[in-house]
């Protein structure tokens, strides 16, 4: 079984990789770099421009986010 690594909201903002989060209200969040999306079952999908709108919960890197993180790490010697 593969262990999924989780990140804090601050990790996602500091490192700038693409990540997903599920809000307490069932809304789904996607953040990448300086922008994000929220998909809310009641209000639909909208663009997020303010990091303050991101939930302070556990975030999971997307496949692209994992690639970004691996490319950002220095190569082992």
C-alpha atoms as a PDB file:
ATOM      1  CA  UNK A   1       0.000   0.000   0.000  1.00  0.00           C
ATOM      2  CA  UNK A   2       1.380   3.401  -1.000  1.00  0.00           C
ATOM      3  CA  UNK A   3       1.512   6.109   1.645  1.00  0.00           C
ATOM      4  CA  UNK A   4       0.073   9.422   0.407  1.00  0.00           C
ATOM      5  CA  UNK A   5       2.053  12.426   1.585  1.00  0.00           C
ATOM      6  CA  UNK A   6       0.025  15.396   2.772  1.00  0.00           C
ATOM      7  CA  UNK A   7       1.072  19.028   2.900  1.00  0.00           C
ATOM      8  CA  UNK A   8      -0.073  22.105   4.758  1.00  0.00           C
ATOM      9  CA  UNK A   9      -1.586  25.112   3.034  1.00  0.00           C
ATOM     10  CA  UNK A  10       1.652  26.979   3.802  1.00  0.00           C
ATOM     11  CA  UNK A  11       3.703  24.234   2.079  1.00  0.00           C
ATOM     12  CA  UNK A  12       1.552  24.547  -1.043  1.00  0.00           C
ATOM     13  CA  UNK A  13       1.940  28.333  -1.086  1.00  0.00           C
ATOM     14  CA  UNK A  14       5.670  28.310  -0.335  1.00  0.00           C
ATOM     15  CA  UNK A  15       6.600  25.579  -2.811  1.00  0.00           C
ATOM     16  CA  UNK A  16       4.062  26.512  -5.509  1.00  0.00           C
ATOM     17  CA  UNK A  17       3.214  22.977  -6.666  1.00  0.00           C
ATOM     18  CA  UNK A  18      -0.206  21.822  -7.859  1.00  0.00           C
ATOM     19  CA  UNK A  19      -2.299  20.350  -5.043  1.00  0.00           C
ATOM     20  CA  UNK A  20      -5.831  19.324  -4.119  1.00  0.00           C
ATOM     21  CA  UNK A  21      -7.836  19.707  -0.918  1.00  0.00           C
ATOM     22  CA  UNK A  22     -11.325  18.790   0.247  1.00  0.00           C
ATOM     23  CA  UNK A  23     -13.018  21.494   2.305  1.00  0.00           C
ATOM     24  CA  UNK A  24     -15.106  20.731   5.382  1.00  0.00           C
ATOM     25  CA  UNK A  25     -18.220  21.726   3.422  1.00  0.00           C
ATOM     26  CA  UNK A  26     -17.522  19.282   0.578  1.00  0.00           C
ATOM     27  CA  UNK A  27     -16.026  21.872  -1.769  1.00  0.00           C
ATOM     28  CA  UNK A  28     -12.959  20.726  -3.712  1.00  0.00           C
ATOM     29  CA  UNK A  29      -9.957  22.997  -4.112  1.00  0.00           C
ATOM     30  CA  UNK A  30      -7.152  22.963  -6.662  1.00  0.00           C
ATOM     31  CA  UNK A  31      -4.219  25.347  -6.237  1.00  0.00           C
ATOM     32  CA  UNK A  32      -1.172  25.919  -8.418  1.00  0.00           C
ATOM     33  CA  UNK A  33       1.357  28.718  -8.068  1.00  0.00           C
ATOM     34  CA  UNK A  34      -0.605  31.887  -7.338  1.00  0.00           C
ATOM     35  CA  UNK A  35      -4.103  30.821  -8.404  1.00  0.00           C
ATOM     36  CA  UNK A  36      -6.672  28.181  -7.710  1.00  0.00           C
ATOM     37  CA  UNK A  37     -10.137  26.857  -8.319  1.00  0.00           C
ATOM     38  CA  UNK A  38     -12.936  25.949  -5.975  1.00  0.00           C
ATOM     39  CA  UNK A  39     -15.614  23.521  -7.066  1.00  0.00           C
ATOM     40  CA  UNK A  40     -18.524  24.019  -4.697  1.00  0.00           C
ATOM     41  CA  UNK A  41     -21.594  21.784  -5.070  1.00  0.00           C
ATOM     42  CA  UNK A  42     -23.874  24.714  -4.204  1.00  0.00           C
ATOM     43  CA  UNK A  43     -22.261  27.647  -6.033  1.00  0.00           C
ATOM     44  CA  UNK A  44     -20.356  25.950  -8.863  1.00  0.00           C
ATOM     45  CA  UNK A  45     -16.753  26.437  -9.924  1.00  0.00           C
ATOM     46  CA  UNK A  46     -14.939  29.723  -9.533  1.00  0.00           C
ATOM     47  CA  UNK A  47     -11.430  31.149  -9.710  1.00  0.00           C
ATOM     48  CA  UNK A  48      -9.509  31.822  -6.495  1.00  0.00           C
ATOM     49  CA  UNK A  49      -7.055  34.688  -6.512  1.00  0.00           C
ATOM     50  CA  UNK A  50      -6.555  35.162  -2.757  1.00  0.00           C
ATOM     51  CA  UNK A  51      -4.627  32.483  -0.823  1.00  0.00           C
ATOM     52  CA  UNK A  52      -6.674  33.457   2.234  1.00  0.00           C
ATOM     53  CA  UNK A  53      -9.587  31.627   0.550  1.00  0.00           C
ATOM     54  CA  UNK A  54      -7.666  28.336   0.711  1.00  0.00           C
ATOM     55  CA  UNK A  55      -8.690  25.997   3.527  1.00  0.00           C
ATOM     56  CA  UNK A  56      -6.134  25.374   6.255  1.00  0.00           C
ATOM     57  CA  UNK A  57      -6.412  21.610   5.933  1.00  0.00           C
ATOM     58  CA  UNK A  58      -4.387  18.746   4.478  1.00  0.00           C
ATOM     59  CA  UNK A  59      -3.414  19.101   0.818  1.00  0.00           C
ATOM     60  CA  UNK A  60      -2.298  16.334  -1.548  1.00  0.00           C
ATOM     61  CA  UNK A  61      -0.045  16.884  -4.552  1.00  0.00           C
ATOM     62  CA  UNK A  62      -1.525  16.017  -7.945  1.00  0.00           C
ATOM     63  CA  UNK A  63       0.535  13.882 -10.348  1.00  0.00           C
ATOM     64  CA  UNK A  64       1.836  17.105 -11.898  1.00  0.00           C
ATOM     65  CA  UNK A  65       2.528  18.504  -8.418  1.00  0.00           C
ATOM     66  CA  UNK A  66       4.547  15.384  -7.525  1.00  0.00           C
ATOM     67  CA  UNK A  67       6.593  15.872 -10.690  1.00  0.00           C
ATOM     68  CA  UNK A  68       7.172  19.533  -9.830  1.00  0.00           C
ATOM     69  CA  UNK A  69       8.335  18.584  -6.345  1.00  0.00           C
ATOM     70  CA  UNK A  70      10.703  15.892  -7.609  1.00  0.00           C
ATOM     71  CA  UNK A  71      12.216  18.236 -10.204  1.00  0.00           C
ATOM     72  CA  UNK A  72      12.737  20.933  -7.564  1.00  0.00           C
ATOM     73  CA  UNK A  73      14.826  18.637  -5.345  1.00  0.00           C
ATOM     74  CA  UNK A  74      18.580  18.621  -5.914  1.00  0.00           C
ATOM     75  CA  UNK A  75      19.930  15.526  -7.656  1.00  0.00           C
ATOM     76  CA  UNK A  76      21.620  12.986  -5.390  1.00  0.00           C
ATOM     77  CA  UNK A  77      25.377  12.694  -5.819  1.00  0.00           C
END
